[in-house]
Amino acid sequence: MALRITDECINCDVCEPECPNDAISMGPEYYVIEPSRCTECVGHHDEPQCKVVCPVECIEIHPEWVESPVQLHLKYERLIGEPEKLT
């Protein structure tokens, strides 16, 4: 599943640099997550780093982008351009 940032975002700028996939950027009013680039940090970290650093807890599962852990890992492989084995 990809994540999304809700309108409760306070634009504190802490999530964007934490994203290893460059999936977070400033939207028209607040930060947004590009679902095609979000792997919930699979392949990089044990938990989504944007959620770890968010001071207002405005990051949630994107209900329109439901993906399994295997699908997230395949997306990670595609993004880094190097196939890795899922363990």
C-alpha atoms as a PDB file:
ATOM      1  CA  MET A   1       0.000   0.000   0.000  1.00  0.00           C
ATOM      2  CA  ALA A   2       1.125   3.464  -0.684  1.00  0.00           C
ATOM      3  CA  LEU A   3       0.759   6.160   1.912  1.00  0.00           C
ATOM      4  CA  ARG A   4      -0.890   9.553   1.654  1.00  0.00           C
ATOM      5  CA  ILE A   5      -0.680  12.797   3.588  1.00  0.00           C
ATOM      6  CA  THR A   6      -3.957  14.219   4.851  1.00  0.00           C
ATOM      7  CA  ASP A   7      -4.998  17.853   4.930  1.00  0.00           C
ATOM      8  CA  GLU A   8      -3.932  17.952   8.581  1.00  0.00           C
ATOM      9  CA  CYS A   9      -0.353  18.437   7.310  1.00  0.00           C
ATOM     10  CA  ILE A  10       1.305  21.531   8.800  1.00  0.00           C
ATOM     11  CA  ASN A  11       4.035  21.742   6.112  1.00  0.00           C
ATOM     12  CA  CYS A  12       6.794  21.282   8.658  1.00  0.00           C
ATOM     13  CA  ASP A  13       9.187  19.937   5.974  1.00  0.00           C
ATOM     14  CA  VAL A  14      10.439  16.944   7.983  1.00  0.00           C
ATOM     15  CA  CYS A  15       8.961  14.127   5.870  1.00  0.00           C
ATOM     16  CA  GLU A  16      10.290  15.044   2.422  1.00  0.00           C
ATOM     17  CA  PRO A  17      14.007  14.496   3.099  1.00  0.00           C
ATOM     18  CA  GLU A  18      13.300  11.209   4.919  1.00  0.00           C
ATOM     19  CA  CYS A  19      11.740   9.517   1.872  1.00  0.00           C
ATOM     20  CA  PRO A  20      14.313   7.205   0.235  1.00  0.00           C
ATOM     21  CA  ASN A  21      12.232   7.025  -2.968  1.00  0.00           C
ATOM     22  CA  ASP A  22      11.721  10.778  -3.484  1.00  0.00           C
ATOM     23  CA  ALA A  23       7.966  10.159  -3.374  1.00  0.00           C
ATOM     24  CA  ILE A  24       7.149  13.210  -1.234  1.00  0.00           C
ATOM     25  CA  SER A  25       6.885  16.705  -2.654  1.00  0.00           C
ATOM     26  CA  MET A  26       5.092  19.952  -1.940  1.00  0.00           C
ATOM     27  CA  GLY A  27       1.581  19.979  -3.368  1.00  0.00           C
ATOM     28  CA  PRO A  28      -0.671  22.982  -3.951  1.00  0.00           C
ATOM     29  CA  GLU A  29      -1.481  23.333  -0.236  1.00  0.00           C
ATOM     30  CA  TYR A  30       0.517  20.711   1.660  1.00  0.00           C
ATOM     31  CA  TYR A  31       2.926  17.843   1.061  1.00  0.00           C
ATOM     32  CA  VAL A  32       1.791  14.938  -1.102  1.00  0.00           C
ATOM     33  CA  ILE A  33       3.054  11.407  -1.701  1.00  0.00           C
ATOM     34  CA  GLU A  34       3.322  10.027  -5.243  1.00  0.00           C
ATOM     35  CA  PRO A  35       1.794   6.527  -4.898  1.00  0.00           C
ATOM     36  CA  SER A  36       3.777   5.111  -7.808  1.00  0.00           C
ATOM     37  CA  ARG A  37       7.010   5.866  -5.910  1.00  0.00           C
ATOM     38  CA  CYS A  38       5.896   5.016  -2.348  1.00  0.00           C
ATOM     39  CA  THR A  39       7.018   1.616  -1.080  1.00  0.00           C
ATOM     40  CA  GLU A  40       6.334   2.396   2.596  1.00  0.00           C
ATOM     41  CA  CYS A  41      10.144   2.238   2.849  1.00  0.00           C
ATOM     42  CA  VAL A  42      10.188  -1.482   1.959  1.00  0.00           C
ATOM     43  CA  GLY A  43      13.746  -2.293   0.932  1.00  0.00           C
ATOM     44  CA  HIS A  44      15.152   0.646   2.873  1.00  0.00           C
ATOM     45  CA  HIS A  45      13.751   0.631   6.429  1.00  0.00           C
ATOM     46  CA  ASP A  46      11.583  -1.491   8.709  1.00  0.00           C
ATOM     47  CA  GLU A  47       8.874   1.167   8.892  1.00  0.00           C
ATOM     48  CA  PRO A  48       7.834   4.200   6.838  1.00  0.00           C
ATOM     49  CA  GLN A  49      10.193   6.984   7.809  1.00  0.00           C
ATOM     50  CA  CYS A  50       7.731   9.761   6.956  1.00  0.00           C
ATOM     51  CA  LYS A  51       5.324   8.362   9.547  1.00  0.00           C
ATOM     52  CA  VAL A  52       8.135   8.081  12.099  1.00  0.00           C
ATOM     53  CA  VAL A  53       9.063  11.773  11.847  1.00  0.00           C
ATOM     54  CA  CYS A  54       5.611  13.310  11.303  1.00  0.00           C
ATOM     55  CA  PRO A  55       4.784  15.434  14.363  1.00  0.00           C
ATOM     56  CA  VAL A  56       1.029  15.583  13.655  1.00  0.00           C
ATOM     57  CA  GLU A  57       0.502  11.985  12.512  1.00  0.00           C
ATOM     58  CA  CYS A  58      -1.175  13.000   9.248  1.00  0.00           C
ATOM     59  CA  ILE A  59       0.176  10.131   7.120  1.00  0.00           C
ATOM     60  CA  GLU A  60      -2.107   7.188   6.475  1.00  0.00           C
ATOM     61  CA  ILE A  61      -2.590   4.231   4.153  1.00  0.00           C
ATOM     62  CA  HIS A  62      -3.836   5.332   0.739  1.00  0.00           C
ATOM     63  CA  PRO A  63      -7.100   3.385   0.302  1.00  0.00           C
ATOM     64  CA  GLU A  64      -6.888   3.484  -3.501  1.00  0.00           C
ATOM     65  CA  TRP A  65      -3.364   1.978  -3.632  1.00  0.00           C
ATOM     66  CA  VAL A  66      -3.619  -1.341  -1.826  1.00  0.00           C
ATOM     67  CA  GLU A  67      -0.435  -3.353  -2.372  1.00  0.00           C
ATOM     68  CA  SER A  68       0.965  -6.459  -0.726  1.00  0.00           C
ATOM     69  CA  PRO A  69       4.457  -6.563   0.783  1.00  0.00           C
ATOM     70  CA  VAL A  70       5.595  -8.499  -2.306  1.00  0.00           C
ATOM     71  CA  GLN A  71       4.185  -5.822  -4.609  1.00  0.00           C
ATOM     72  CA  LEU A  72       5.885  -3.106  -2.555  1.00  0.00           C
ATOM     73  CA  HIS A  73       9.190  -4.953  -2.827  1.00  0.00           C
ATOM     74  CA  LEU A  74       8.784  -5.311  -6.595  1.00  0.00           C
ATOM     75  CA  LYS A  75       8.129  -1.570  -6.803  1.00  0.00           C
ATOM     76  CA  TYR A  76      11.275  -0.965  -4.733  1.00  0.00           C
ATOM     77  CA  GLU A  77      13.284  -3.133  -7.154  1.00  0.00           C
ATOM     78  CA  ARG A  78      11.904  -1.227 -10.129  1.00  0.00           C
ATOM     79  CA  LEU A  79      12.721   2.120  -8.522  1.00  0.00           C
ATOM     80  CA  ILE A  80      16.313   1.230  -7.733  1.00  0.00           C
ATOM     81  CA  GLY A  81      16.749  -0.577 -11.041  1.00  0.00           C
ATOM     82  CA  GLU A  82      18.314  -3.665  -9.522  1.00  0.00           C
ATOM     83  CA  PRO A  83      16.379  -6.891  -8.913  1.00  0.00           C
ATOM     84  CA  GLU A  84      16.804  -8.281  -5.418  1.00  0.00           C
ATOM     85  CA  LYS A  85      15.479 -11.457  -3.901  1.00  0.00           C
ATOM     86  CA  LEU A  86      12.582 -11.144  -1.495  1.00  0.00           C
ATOM     87  CA  THR A  87      13.340 -13.053   1.667  1.00  0.00           C
END
